[in-house]
């Protein structure tokens, strides 16, 4: 089968060659069913997440031994099942997530880790749902208990997790403020029904949000969703209400912010570290319930998955470039079979 291999640590955006950290194997062994309850999926699409990029750079918290096949969430069609599989059959459309290995034509996973993609849902889009939307759903619903009328501030709102947080915020009935950079991203966020958008290329977050608060007679932010870190986190803290929830999702800026404990004490803030992948080990039931609810929302049209770039596996370096250079609005995907029909929409 065709698979993407990371053979050494380095920049995955450079042109694929013998010297680059990633390479394409066209004769990688097809994974065997390794238990009676295992399922083999022919992959339709797999999602790129910022964590995948960091992992190949060697900057992620989990550092797998080399060589490895990157990738986490994916969608596809069941191709083979173990003799004790009861919930799925060959031909079913499914999505799931793995610790590693989705950048390949076939993936093997346990039945309990698989989710049936509802009829009417786009299979390529379903491959983008588990990690990005799962992260935001667990953060906002399970951890912060976001509720109707609360004010949600989303940093990096045009990226994969950011855009999912915006949509989940609206489903929860929150007043959603989105922070992004550039007119194209701002216009897209407005089209998603965001209550207020801050364009960092033209204005500062504090002044812009305070003007919005004054116009809407709001006190401040109840939930801060932060996949960015750095200076933007520090500025955003000045907008938080007493008793606010801070969701630490990641550090796309490259800078880990410092949240003063004395201010958190006085303001009664709750700070949540959210490493979504660790739930698979510690509380897998939370992830299962979360993905099931998200798939039902997708089927009902409450959320949509915007894919801005789609590439073939041999174009993986271009896909990683879209992540690195912040070109994407929503998700970047690797698709098998029909990638030529869904090229970049930007």
C-alpha atoms as a PDB file:
ATOM      1  CA  UNK A   1       0.000   0.000   0.000  1.00  0.00           C
ATOM      2  CA  UNK A   2       0.948   3.657  -0.293  1.00  0.00           C
ATOM      3  CA  UNK A   3       2.014   5.289   2.977  1.00  0.00           C
ATOM      4  CA  UNK A   4       3.803   8.393   4.202  1.00  0.00           C
ATOM      5  CA  UNK A   5       6.843   7.605   6.342  1.00  0.00           C
ATOM      6  CA  UNK A   6       8.662   9.948   8.686  1.00  0.00           C
ATOM      7  CA  UNK A   7      12.230   8.614   8.621  1.00  0.00           C
ATOM      8  CA  UNK A   8      13.930  11.438  10.519  1.00  0.00           C
ATOM      9  CA  UNK A   9      13.076  14.597  12.425  1.00  0.00           C
ATOM     10  CA  UNK A  10      12.877  17.718  10.288  1.00  0.00           C
ATOM     11  CA  UNK A  11      10.713  20.144   8.339  1.00  0.00           C
ATOM     12  CA  UNK A  12       7.950  18.277   6.460  1.00  0.00           C
ATOM     13  CA  UNK A  13       7.275  21.270   4.200  1.00  0.00           C
ATOM     14  CA  UNK A  14      10.442  20.824   2.120  1.00  0.00           C
ATOM     15  CA  UNK A  15      10.105  19.075  -1.234  1.00  0.00           C
ATOM     16  CA  UNK A  16       9.942  15.311  -0.789  1.00  0.00           C
ATOM     17  CA  UNK A  17      13.276  13.700  -1.683  1.00  0.00           C
ATOM     18  CA  UNK A  18      15.822  11.304  -0.227  1.00  0.00           C
ATOM     19  CA  UNK A  19      17.039  14.141   2.000  1.00  0.00           C
ATOM     20  CA  UNK A  20      13.627  15.211   3.336  1.00  0.00           C
ATOM     21  CA  UNK A  21      12.248  13.893   6.649  1.00  0.00           C
ATOM     22  CA  UNK A  22       9.169  12.385   4.993  1.00  0.00           C
ATOM     23  CA  UNK A  23       8.997   9.992   2.073  1.00  0.00           C
ATOM     24  CA  UNK A  24       6.364   8.007   0.173  1.00  0.00           C
ATOM     25  CA  UNK A  25       6.437   4.224   0.340  1.00  0.00           C
ATOM     26  CA  UNK A  26       4.461   2.567  -2.449  1.00  0.00           C
ATOM     27  CA  UNK A  27       4.976  -0.976  -1.181  1.00  0.00           C
ATOM     28  CA  UNK A  28       4.374  -0.641   2.567  1.00  0.00           C
ATOM     29  CA  UNK A  29       2.805  -3.817   4.051  1.00  0.00           C
ATOM     30  CA  UNK A  30      -0.981  -3.705   4.429  1.00  0.00           C
ATOM     31  CA  UNK A  31      -1.699  -4.007   8.182  1.00  0.00           C
ATOM     32  CA  UNK A  32      -3.164  -7.323   9.293  1.00  0.00           C
ATOM     33  CA  UNK A  33      -6.153  -7.744  11.577  1.00  0.00           C
ATOM     34  CA  UNK A  34      -4.452  -8.148  14.949  1.00  0.00           C
ATOM     35  CA  UNK A  35      -7.425  -9.290  17.038  1.00  0.00           C
ATOM     36  CA  UNK A  36     -10.886 -10.890  16.587  1.00  0.00           C
ATOM     37  CA  UNK A  37     -12.469  -7.468  17.168  1.00  0.00           C
ATOM     38  CA  UNK A  38     -10.203  -5.549  14.782  1.00  0.00           C
ATOM     39  CA  UNK A  39     -11.390  -3.745  11.651  1.00  0.00           C
ATOM     40  CA  UNK A  40      -9.359  -2.784   8.588  1.00  0.00           C
ATOM     41  CA  UNK A  41     -10.425   0.429   6.869  1.00  0.00           C
ATOM     42  CA  UNK A  42      -9.578   1.547   3.360  1.00  0.00           C
ATOM     43  CA  UNK A  43      -8.835   5.201   4.041  1.00  0.00           C
ATOM     44  CA  UNK A  44     -10.778   7.804   2.089  1.00  0.00           C
ATOM     45  CA  UNK A  45      -9.304  10.899   3.749  1.00  0.00           C
ATOM     46  CA  UNK A  46      -7.097  11.829   6.673  1.00  0.00           C
ATOM     47  CA  UNK A  47      -6.825  15.147   8.430  1.00  0.00           C
ATOM     48  CA  UNK A  48      -3.750  17.258   9.051  1.00  0.00           C
ATOM     49  CA  UNK A  49      -3.579  18.718  12.534  1.00  0.00           C
ATOM     50  CA  UNK A  50      -0.962  21.101  13.883  1.00  0.00           C
ATOM     51  CA  UNK A  51       0.147  18.297  16.195  1.00  0.00           C
ATOM     52  CA  UNK A  52       1.127  16.168  13.163  1.00  0.00           C
ATOM     53  CA  UNK A  53       3.366  18.982  11.936  1.00  0.00           C
ATOM     54  CA  UNK A  54       4.978  19.407  15.373  1.00  0.00           C
ATOM     55  CA  UNK A  55       5.521  15.653  15.693  1.00  0.00           C
ATOM     56  CA  UNK A  56       7.609  15.469  12.518  1.00  0.00           C
ATOM     57  CA  UNK A  57       9.548  18.529  13.694  1.00  0.00           C
ATOM     58  CA  UNK A  58      10.253  16.672  16.938  1.00  0.00           C
ATOM     59  CA  UNK A  59       8.514  19.371  18.991  1.00  0.00           C
ATOM     60  CA  UNK A  60       5.415  17.481  20.124  1.00  0.00           C
ATOM     61  CA  UNK A  61       4.983  16.033  23.622  1.00  0.00           C
ATOM     62  CA  UNK A  62       4.826  12.510  22.185  1.00  0.00           C
ATOM     63  CA  UNK A  63       7.916  11.427  20.247  1.00  0.00           C
ATOM     64  CA  UNK A  64       7.392   8.046  18.556  1.00  0.00           C
ATOM     65  CA  UNK A  65      10.382   5.944  17.521  1.00  0.00           C
ATOM     66  CA  UNK A  66      11.507   6.332  13.912  1.00  0.00           C
ATOM     67  CA  UNK A  67      10.386   5.491  11.322  1.00  0.00           C
ATOM     68  CA  UNK A  68       6.659   6.053  11.799  1.00  0.00           C
ATOM     69  CA  UNK A  69       3.542   6.787   9.755  1.00  0.00           C
ATOM     70  CA  UNK A  70       2.057  10.089  10.951  1.00  0.00           C
ATOM     71  CA  UNK A  71      -1.623  10.872  11.168  1.00  0.00           C
ATOM     72  CA  UNK A  72      -4.503  10.681  13.590  1.00  0.00           C
ATOM     73  CA  UNK A  73      -8.120  11.139  12.451  1.00  0.00           C
ATOM     74  CA  UNK A  74      -9.431   9.615   9.234  1.00  0.00           C
ATOM     75  CA  UNK A  75     -12.471   8.321   7.405  1.00  0.00           C
ATOM     76  CA  UNK A  76     -12.991   5.433   5.029  1.00  0.00           C
ATOM     77  CA  UNK A  77     -14.806   2.234   4.190  1.00  0.00           C
ATOM     78  CA  UNK A  78     -14.617  -1.037   6.156  1.00  0.00           C
ATOM     79  CA  UNK A  79     -12.574  -3.502   4.088  1.00  0.00           C
ATOM     80  CA  UNK A  80     -12.174  -6.429   6.511  1.00  0.00           C
ATOM     81  CA  UNK A  81     -13.480  -7.404   9.958  1.00  0.00           C
ATOM     82  CA  UNK A  82     -12.414  -9.808  12.685  1.00  0.00           C
ATOM     83  CA  UNK A  83     -14.598 -12.830  13.414  1.00  0.00           C
ATOM     84  CA  UNK A  84     -15.988 -11.282  16.611  1.00  0.00           C
ATOM     85  CA  UNK A  85     -16.894  -7.871  15.160  1.00  0.00           C
ATOM     86  CA  UNK A  86     -20.632  -7.332  15.616  1.00  0.00           C
ATOM     87  CA  UNK A  87     -21.333  -3.644  15.044  1.00  0.00           C
ATOM     88  CA  UNK A  88     -19.759  -3.131  11.621  1.00  0.00           C
ATOM     89  CA  UNK A  89     -19.702  -4.924   8.291  1.00  0.00           C
ATOM     90  CA  UNK A  90     -17.664  -4.695   5.095  1.00  0.00           C
ATOM     91  CA  UNK A  91     -18.725  -1.628   3.136  1.00  0.00           C
ATOM     92  CA  UNK A  92     -19.714   0.527   6.134  1.00  0.00           C
ATOM     93  CA  UNK A  93     -18.627   4.163   6.052  1.00  0.00           C
ATOM     94  CA  UNK A  94     -16.679   4.971   9.210  1.00  0.00           C
ATOM     95  CA  UNK A  95     -14.397   7.482  10.870  1.00  0.00           C
ATOM     96  CA  UNK A  96     -12.002   7.190  13.788  1.00  0.00           C
ATOM     97  CA  UNK A  97      -8.652   8.326  15.165  1.00  0.00           C
ATOM     98  CA  UNK A  98      -5.376   6.598  15.945  1.00  0.00           C
ATOM     99  CA  UNK A  99      -2.236   7.573  17.789  1.00  0.00           C
ATOM    100  CA  UNK A 100      -0.243   7.151  14.562  1.00  0.00           C
ATOM    101  CA  UNK A 101      -0.725   5.694  11.116  1.00  0.00           C
ATOM    102  CA  UNK A 102      -3.585   7.361   9.222  1.00  0.00           C
ATOM    103  CA  UNK A 103      -1.372   8.727   6.413  1.00  0.00           C
ATOM    104  CA  UNK A 104      -1.749   5.429   4.607  1.00  0.00           C
ATOM    105  CA  UNK A 105      -4.183   3.589   2.338  1.00  0.00           C
ATOM    106  CA  UNK A 106      -5.232   1.161   5.072  1.00  0.00           C
ATOM    107  CA  UNK A 107      -5.605   1.431   8.851  1.00  0.00           C
ATOM    108  CA  UNK A 108      -6.451  -1.246  11.413  1.00  0.00           C
ATOM    109  CA  UNK A 109      -8.293  -0.319  14.609  1.00  0.00           C
ATOM    110  CA  UNK A 110     -10.479  -1.915  17.247  1.00  0.00           C
ATOM    111  CA  UNK A 111     -14.246  -2.047  16.764  1.00  0.00           C
ATOM    112  CA  UNK A 112     -14.827  -0.001  19.942  1.00  0.00           C
ATOM    113  CA  UNK A 113     -12.780   2.864  18.450  1.00  0.00           C
ATOM    114  CA  UNK A 114     -14.818   3.089  15.245  1.00  0.00           C
ATOM    115  CA  UNK A 115     -17.772   5.381  14.486  1.00  0.00           C
ATOM    116  CA  UNK A 116     -20.398   4.944  11.782  1.00  0.00           C
ATOM    117  CA  UNK A 117     -20.666   7.995   9.523  1.00  0.00           C
ATOM    118  CA  UNK A 118     -24.368   8.930   9.204  1.00  0.00           C
ATOM    119  CA  UNK A 119     -26.045   8.762   5.815  1.00  0.00           C
ATOM    120  CA  UNK A 120     -25.872  12.042   3.962  1.00  0.00           C
ATOM    121  CA  UNK A 121     -22.619  13.148   5.602  1.00  0.00           C
ATOM    122  CA  UNK A 122     -19.651  13.702   3.299  1.00  0.00           C
ATOM    123  CA  UNK A 123     -17.086  10.984   3.948  1.00  0.00           C
ATOM    124  CA  UNK A 124     -14.043  13.195   3.278  1.00  0.00           C
ATOM    125  CA  UNK A 125     -15.381  15.823   5.695  1.00  0.00           C
ATOM    126  CA  UNK A 126     -16.013  13.165   8.348  1.00  0.00           C
ATOM    127  CA  UNK A 127     -12.278  12.446   8.370  1.00  0.00           C
ATOM    128  CA  UNK A 128     -11.716  15.972   9.691  1.00  0.00           C
ATOM    129  CA  UNK A 129     -14.144  15.730  12.582  1.00  0.00           C
ATOM    130  CA  UNK A 130     -12.675  13.627  15.445  1.00  0.00           C
ATOM    131  CA  UNK A 131      -9.591  15.620  16.530  1.00  0.00           C
ATOM    132  CA  UNK A 132     -10.457  19.256  15.751  1.00  0.00           C
ATOM    133  CA  UNK A 133     -14.143  19.170  16.623  1.00  0.00           C
ATOM    134  CA  UNK A 134     -13.509  16.605  19.352  1.00  0.00           C
ATOM    135  CA  UNK A 135     -10.969  18.893  21.015  1.00  0.00           C
ATOM    136  CA  UNK A 136     -13.357  21.835  20.982  1.00  0.00           C
ATOM    137  CA  UNK A 137     -16.350  19.791  22.108  1.00  0.00           C
ATOM    138  CA  UNK A 138     -14.556  18.246  25.078  1.00  0.00           C
ATOM    139  CA  UNK A 139     -13.069  21.629  25.996  1.00  0.00           C
ATOM    140  CA  UNK A 140     -16.212  23.738  25.705  1.00  0.00           C
ATOM    141  CA  UNK A 141     -18.942  21.258  26.680  1.00  0.00           C
ATOM    142  CA  UNK A 142     -17.253  18.766  29.009  1.00  0.00           C
ATOM    143  CA  UNK A 143     -14.724  21.029  30.720  1.00  0.00           C
ATOM    144  CA  UNK A 144     -15.973  24.647  30.564  1.00  0.00           C
ATOM    145  CA  UNK A 145     -19.711  23.788  30.498  1.00  0.00           C
ATOM    146  CA  UNK A 146     -20.353  26.622  28.047  1.00  0.00           C
ATOM    147  CA  UNK A 147     -23.977  27.728  28.292  1.00  0.00           C
ATOM    148  CA  UNK A 148     -26.486  29.994  26.597  1.00  0.00           C
ATOM    149  CA  UNK A 149     -25.703  33.694  26.883  1.00  0.00           C
ATOM    150  CA  UNK A 150     -22.095  33.280  28.011  1.00  0.00           C
ATOM    151  CA  UNK A 151     -19.372  35.096  26.079  1.00  0.00           C
ATOM    152  CA  UNK A 152     -16.823  32.889  24.288  1.00  0.00           C
ATOM    153  CA  UNK A 153     -13.572  34.372  22.942  1.00  0.00           C
ATOM    154  CA  UNK A 154     -11.850  32.144  20.356  1.00  0.00           C
ATOM    155  CA  UNK A 155      -8.233  32.881  19.405  1.00  0.00           C
ATOM    156  CA  UNK A 156      -6.915  31.557  16.077  1.00  0.00           C
ATOM    157  CA  UNK A 157     -10.557  31.276  15.061  1.00  0.00           C
ATOM    158  CA  UNK A 158     -10.027  30.528  11.357  1.00  0.00           C
ATOM    159  CA  UNK A 159      -7.868  27.436  11.917  1.00  0.00           C
ATOM    160  CA  UNK A 160      -9.085  23.866  12.267  1.00  0.00           C
ATOM    161  CA  UNK A 161      -9.742  23.816  16.024  1.00  0.00           C
ATOM    162  CA  UNK A 162     -10.637  27.504  16.126  1.00  0.00           C
ATOM    163  CA  UNK A 163     -13.366  27.216  13.527  1.00  0.00           C
ATOM    164  CA  UNK A 164     -14.770  24.152  15.275  1.00  0.00           C
ATOM    165  CA  UNK A 165     -14.863  26.082  18.572  1.00  0.00           C
ATOM    166  CA  UNK A 166     -16.737  28.926  16.882  1.00  0.00           C
ATOM    167  CA  UNK A 167     -19.398  26.538  15.590  1.00  0.00           C
ATOM    168  CA  UNK A 168     -19.759  24.628  18.842  1.00  0.00           C
ATOM    169  CA  UNK A 169     -20.029  27.943  20.675  1.00  0.00           C
ATOM    170  CA  UNK A 170     -22.981  28.913  18.482  1.00  0.00           C
ATOM    171  CA  UNK A 171     -24.631  25.502  18.997  1.00  0.00           C
ATOM    172  CA  UNK A 172     -24.324  26.085  22.768  1.00  0.00           C
ATOM    173  CA  UNK A 173     -26.009  29.487  22.441  1.00  0.00           C
ATOM    174  CA  UNK A 174     -22.964  31.551  23.405  1.00  0.00           C
ATOM    175  CA  UNK A 175     -22.063  35.036  22.237  1.00  0.00           C
ATOM    176  CA  UNK A 176     -19.026  34.226  20.082  1.00  0.00           C
ATOM    177  CA  UNK A 177     -16.100  36.587  19.523  1.00  0.00           C
ATOM    178  CA  UNK A 178     -13.533  35.365  16.979  1.00  0.00           C
ATOM    179  CA  UNK A 179      -9.952  36.555  16.579  1.00  0.00           C
ATOM    180  CA  UNK A 180      -8.189  36.070  13.227  1.00  0.00           C
ATOM    181  CA  UNK A 181      -5.872  37.856  10.826  1.00  0.00           C
ATOM    182  CA  UNK A 182      -6.741  39.026   7.311  1.00  0.00           C
ATOM    183  CA  UNK A 183      -9.889  40.143   5.526  1.00  0.00           C
ATOM    184  CA  UNK A 184     -10.592  36.786   3.878  1.00  0.00           C
ATOM    185  CA  UNK A 185     -10.643  34.968   7.202  1.00  0.00           C
ATOM    186  CA  UNK A 186     -12.672  37.740   8.818  1.00  0.00           C
ATOM    187  CA  UNK A 187     -15.328  37.643   6.096  1.00  0.00           C
ATOM    188  CA  UNK A 188     -15.568  33.867   6.335  1.00  0.00           C
ATOM    189  CA  UNK A 189     -16.040  34.001  10.106  1.00  0.00           C
ATOM    190  CA  UNK A 190     -18.776  36.606   9.707  1.00  0.00           C
ATOM    191  CA  UNK A 191     -20.518  34.271   7.262  1.00  0.00           C
ATOM    192  CA  UNK A 192     -20.505  31.626  10.015  1.00  0.00           C
ATOM    193  CA  UNK A 193     -22.666  33.843  12.220  1.00  0.00           C
ATOM    194  CA  UNK A 194     -19.963  35.032  14.621  1.00  0.00           C
ATOM    195  CA  UNK A 195     -21.164  37.908  16.782  1.00  0.00           C
ATOM    196  CA  UNK A 196     -17.927  39.903  16.532  1.00  0.00           C
ATOM    197  CA  UNK A 197     -14.654  39.385  14.655  1.00  0.00           C
ATOM    198  CA  UNK A 198     -11.322  40.974  15.527  1.00  0.00           C
ATOM    199  CA  UNK A 199      -8.982  41.424  12.541  1.00  0.00           C
ATOM    200  CA  UNK A 200      -5.490  41.479  14.049  1.00  0.00           C
ATOM    201  CA  UNK A 201      -4.069  42.914  10.825  1.00  0.00           C
ATOM    202  CA  UNK A 202      -6.039  46.118  11.479  1.00  0.00           C
ATOM    203  CA  UNK A 203      -6.830  46.378  15.183  1.00  0.00           C
ATOM    204  CA  UNK A 204      -5.900  45.232  18.665  1.00  0.00           C
ATOM    205  CA  UNK A 205      -7.959  42.622  20.471  1.00  0.00           C
ATOM    206  CA  UNK A 206      -8.517  44.655  23.668  1.00  0.00           C
ATOM    207  CA  UNK A 207      -9.825  47.822  22.021  1.00  0.00           C
ATOM    208  CA  UNK A 208     -11.982  45.979  19.492  1.00  0.00           C
ATOM    209  CA  UNK A 209     -13.606  43.658  22.020  1.00  0.00           C
ATOM    210  CA  UNK A 210     -14.211  46.436  24.562  1.00  0.00           C
ATOM    211  CA  UNK A 211     -16.057  48.450  21.907  1.00  0.00           C
ATOM    212  CA  UNK A 212     -18.208  45.407  21.193  1.00  0.00           C
ATOM    213  CA  UNK A 213     -18.911  44.955  24.909  1.00  0.00           C
ATOM    214  CA  UNK A 214     -19.989  48.587  25.200  1.00  0.00           C
ATOM    215  CA  UNK A 215     -22.320  48.301  22.216  1.00  0.00           C
ATOM    216  CA  UNK A 216     -23.880  45.061  23.501  1.00  0.00           C
ATOM    217  CA  UNK A 217     -23.786  46.018  27.200  1.00  0.00           C
ATOM    218  CA  UNK A 218     -21.681  43.004  28.105  1.00  0.00           C
ATOM    219  CA  UNK A 219     -19.290  42.739  31.057  1.00  0.00           C
ATOM    220  CA  UNK A 220     -16.551  40.486  29.700  1.00  0.00           C
ATOM    221  CA  UNK A 221     -15.460  37.059  28.481  1.00  0.00           C
ATOM    222  CA  UNK A 222     -16.668  33.958  30.307  1.00  0.00           C
ATOM    223  CA  UNK A 223     -14.671  31.357  28.355  1.00  0.00           C
ATOM    224  CA  UNK A 224     -11.324  31.884  26.597  1.00  0.00           C
ATOM    225  CA  UNK A 225     -10.458  29.246  23.971  1.00  0.00           C
ATOM    226  CA  UNK A 226      -6.734  29.509  23.278  1.00  0.00           C
ATOM    227  CA  UNK A 227      -4.850  27.414  20.692  1.00  0.00           C
ATOM    228  CA  UNK A 228      -2.392  30.282  20.064  1.00  0.00           C
ATOM    229  CA  UNK A 229      -0.543  31.257  23.233  1.00  0.00           C
ATOM    230  CA  UNK A 230       2.043  34.010  23.468  1.00  0.00           C
ATOM    231  CA  UNK A 231       1.257  37.714  23.610  1.00  0.00           C
ATOM    232  CA  UNK A 232      -2.331  37.205  22.501  1.00  0.00           C
ATOM    233  CA  UNK A 233      -3.095  35.143  25.612  1.00  0.00           C
ATOM    234  CA  UNK A 234      -1.726  37.876  27.867  1.00  0.00           C
ATOM    235  CA  UNK A 235      -3.842  40.526  26.154  1.00  0.00           C
ATOM    236  CA  UNK A 236      -6.978  38.390  26.206  1.00  0.00           C
ATOM    237  CA  UNK A 237      -6.745  37.858  29.970  1.00  0.00           C
ATOM    238  CA  UNK A 238      -7.538  41.564  30.420  1.00  0.00           C
ATOM    239  CA  UNK A 239     -10.982  40.883  28.960  1.00  0.00           C
ATOM    240  CA  UNK A 240     -11.972  38.009  31.261  1.00  0.00           C
ATOM    241  CA  UNK A 241     -14.832  38.118  33.746  1.00  0.00           C
ATOM    242  CA  UNK A 242     -14.592  37.037  37.359  1.00  0.00           C
ATOM    243  CA  UNK A 243     -14.982  33.247  37.409  1.00  0.00           C
ATOM    244  CA  UNK A 244     -13.933  32.808  33.757  1.00  0.00           C
ATOM    245  CA  UNK A 245     -12.716  29.520  32.285  1.00  0.00           C
ATOM    246  CA  UNK A 246      -9.419  29.501  30.369  1.00  0.00           C
ATOM    247  CA  UNK A 247      -8.972  26.611  27.926  1.00  0.00           C
ATOM    248  CA  UNK A 248      -5.333  25.969  27.018  1.00  0.00           C
ATOM    249  CA  UNK A 249      -5.485  24.123  23.674  1.00  0.00           C
ATOM    250  CA  UNK A 250      -2.030  24.713  22.184  1.00  0.00           C
ATOM    251  CA  UNK A 251       0.725  27.155  21.301  1.00  0.00           C
ATOM    252  CA  UNK A 252       0.581  27.856  17.565  1.00  0.00           C
ATOM    253  CA  UNK A 253       2.481  31.109  18.173  1.00  0.00           C
ATOM    254  CA  UNK A 254       5.432  29.072  19.398  1.00  0.00           C
ATOM    255  CA  UNK A 255       5.366  30.814  22.774  1.00  0.00           C
ATOM    256  CA  UNK A 256       3.984  29.258  25.964  1.00  0.00           C
ATOM    257  CA  UNK A 257       2.129  31.968  27.903  1.00  0.00           C
ATOM    258  CA  UNK A 258       2.460  32.650  31.624  1.00  0.00           C
ATOM    259  CA  UNK A 259      -0.808  32.999  33.526  1.00  0.00           C
ATOM    260  CA  UNK A 260      -0.150  34.769  36.867  1.00  0.00           C
ATOM    261  CA  UNK A 261      -1.436  32.569  39.679  1.00  0.00           C
ATOM    262  CA  UNK A 262      -2.185  35.579  41.895  1.00  0.00           C
ATOM    263  CA  UNK A 263      -4.549  37.057  39.307  1.00  0.00           C
ATOM    264  CA  UNK A 264      -6.186  33.666  38.762  1.00  0.00           C
ATOM    265  CA  UNK A 265      -6.756  33.539  42.529  1.00  0.00           C
ATOM    266  CA  UNK A 266      -8.263  37.021  42.827  1.00  0.00           C
ATOM    267  CA  UNK A 267     -10.418  36.583  39.709  1.00  0.00           C
ATOM    268  CA  UNK A 268     -11.466  33.019  40.594  1.00  0.00           C
ATOM    269  CA  UNK A 269     -10.415  31.794  37.149  1.00  0.00           C
ATOM    270  CA  UNK A 270     -10.388  28.102  36.275  1.00  0.00           C
ATOM    271  CA  UNK A 271      -7.511  27.095  33.989  1.00  0.00           C
ATOM    272  CA  UNK A 272      -8.001  23.910  31.970  1.00  0.00           C
ATOM    273  CA  UNK A 273      -5.140  22.171  30.217  1.00  0.00           C
ATOM    274  CA  UNK A 274      -6.715  20.251  27.349  1.00  0.00           C
ATOM    275  CA  UNK A 275      -4.670  17.473  25.784  1.00  0.00           C
ATOM    276  CA  UNK A 276      -7.418  15.699  23.853  1.00  0.00           C
ATOM    277  CA  UNK A 277      -5.373  12.628  22.931  1.00  0.00           C
ATOM    278  CA  UNK A 278      -4.780  11.670  26.576  1.00  0.00           C
ATOM    279  CA  UNK A 279      -8.512  11.102  27.058  1.00  0.00           C
ATOM    280  CA  UNK A 280      -8.180   7.984  24.909  1.00  0.00           C
ATOM    281  CA  UNK A 281      -6.113   6.429  27.705  1.00  0.00           C
ATOM    282  CA  UNK A 282      -7.648   8.026  30.785  1.00  0.00           C
ATOM    283  CA  UNK A 283     -11.324   8.604  29.942  1.00  0.00           C
ATOM    284  CA  UNK A 284     -12.144   6.952  26.603  1.00  0.00           C
ATOM    285  CA  UNK A 285     -15.874   7.116  27.318  1.00  0.00           C
ATOM    286  CA  UNK A 286     -15.735  10.909  27.191  1.00  0.00           C
ATOM    287  CA  UNK A 287     -14.257  10.798  23.686  1.00  0.00           C
ATOM    288  CA  UNK A 288     -16.770   8.202  22.536  1.00  0.00           C
ATOM    289  CA  UNK A 289     -19.756  10.246  23.729  1.00  0.00           C
ATOM    290  CA  UNK A 290     -18.252  13.420  22.293  1.00  0.00           C
ATOM    291  CA  UNK A 291     -17.656  12.065  18.779  1.00  0.00           C
ATOM    292  CA  UNK A 292     -21.102  10.442  18.694  1.00  0.00           C
ATOM    293  CA  UNK A 293     -22.765  13.745  19.574  1.00  0.00           C
ATOM    294  CA  UNK A 294     -20.682  15.600  16.990  1.00  0.00           C
ATOM    295  CA  UNK A 295     -21.657  13.131  14.258  1.00  0.00           C
ATOM    296  CA  UNK A 296     -25.324  13.628  15.167  1.00  0.00           C
ATOM    297  CA  UNK A 297     -24.831  17.411  14.945  1.00  0.00           C
ATOM    298  CA  UNK A 298     -23.158  16.964  11.562  1.00  0.00           C
ATOM    299  CA  UNK A 299     -26.048  14.838  10.294  1.00  0.00           C
ATOM    300  CA  UNK A 300     -28.560  17.455  11.501  1.00  0.00           C
ATOM    301  CA  UNK A 301     -26.646  20.332   9.922  1.00  0.00           C
ATOM    302  CA  UNK A 302     -25.829  22.023  13.229  1.00  0.00           C
ATOM    303  CA  UNK A 303     -22.131  22.023  12.340  1.00  0.00           C
ATOM    304  CA  UNK A 304     -20.323  22.024   9.002  1.00  0.00           C
ATOM    305  CA  UNK A 305     -16.745  21.002   8.216  1.00  0.00           C
ATOM    306  CA  UNK A 306     -14.997  23.492   5.979  1.00  0.00           C
ATOM    307  CA  UNK A 307     -12.102  22.008   4.006  1.00  0.00           C
ATOM    308  CA  UNK A 308      -9.955  24.684   2.432  1.00  0.00           C
ATOM    309  CA  UNK A 309      -7.133  22.523   1.035  1.00  0.00           C
ATOM    310  CA  UNK A 310      -7.065  18.896  -0.092  1.00  0.00           C
ATOM    311  CA  UNK A 311      -3.961  17.108  -1.400  1.00  0.00           C
ATOM    312  CA  UNK A 312      -2.829  13.668  -2.477  1.00  0.00           C
ATOM    313  CA  UNK A 313      -0.339  11.756  -0.338  1.00  0.00           C
ATOM    314  CA  UNK A 314       2.662  12.603  -2.605  1.00  0.00           C
ATOM    315  CA  UNK A 315       1.767  16.271  -2.060  1.00  0.00           C
ATOM    316  CA  UNK A 316       2.005  15.966   1.723  1.00  0.00           C
ATOM    317  CA  UNK A 317       4.755  18.592   1.929  1.00  0.00           C
ATOM    318  CA  UNK A 318       2.362  21.119   0.342  1.00  0.00           C
ATOM    319  CA  UNK A 319      -0.299  20.135   2.859  1.00  0.00           C
ATOM    320  CA  UNK A 320       2.097  20.757   5.734  1.00  0.00           C
ATOM    321  CA  UNK A 321       3.053  24.106   4.170  1.00  0.00           C
ATOM    322  CA  UNK A 322      -0.606  25.172   4.286  1.00  0.00           C
ATOM    323  CA  UNK A 323      -0.571  24.430   8.026  1.00  0.00           C
ATOM    324  CA  UNK A 324       2.785  26.092   8.675  1.00  0.00           C
ATOM    325  CA  UNK A 325       1.993  29.261   6.729  1.00  0.00           C
ATOM    326  CA  UNK A 326      -1.505  29.693   8.218  1.00  0.00           C
ATOM    327  CA  UNK A 327      -3.077  29.508   4.763  1.00  0.00           C
ATOM    328  CA  UNK A 328      -6.013  27.347   5.767  1.00  0.00           C
ATOM    329  CA  UNK A 329      -9.494  28.413   6.738  1.00  0.00           C
ATOM    330  CA  UNK A 330     -10.724  25.306   8.479  1.00  0.00           C
ATOM    331  CA  UNK A 331      -9.146  21.973   7.640  1.00  0.00           C
ATOM    332  CA  UNK A 332      -6.347  20.654   5.418  1.00  0.00           C
ATOM    333  CA  UNK A 333      -6.848  17.084   4.201  1.00  0.00           C
ATOM    334  CA  UNK A 334      -5.021  14.253   2.485  1.00  0.00           C
ATOM    335  CA  UNK A 335      -7.519  12.403   0.276  1.00  0.00           C
ATOM    336  CA  UNK A 336      -7.152   9.118  -1.554  1.00  0.00           C
ATOM    337  CA  UNK A 337      -8.752   8.262  -4.920  1.00  0.00           C
ATOM    338  CA  UNK A 338     -10.560  11.500  -5.723  1.00  0.00           C
ATOM    339  CA  UNK A 339      -8.297  14.301  -4.434  1.00  0.00           C
ATOM    340  CA  UNK A 340      -8.244  15.984  -7.838  1.00  0.00           C
ATOM    341  CA  UNK A 341     -11.904  16.932  -7.474  1.00  0.00           C
ATOM    342  CA  UNK A 342     -11.400  18.889  -4.260  1.00  0.00           C
ATOM    343  CA  UNK A 343      -8.372  21.090  -4.623  1.00  0.00           C
ATOM    344  CA  UNK A 344      -7.641  24.212  -2.605  1.00  0.00           C
ATOM    345  CA  UNK A 345     -10.594  26.565  -2.324  1.00  0.00           C
ATOM    346  CA  UNK A 346      -8.450  29.562  -1.371  1.00  0.00           C
END
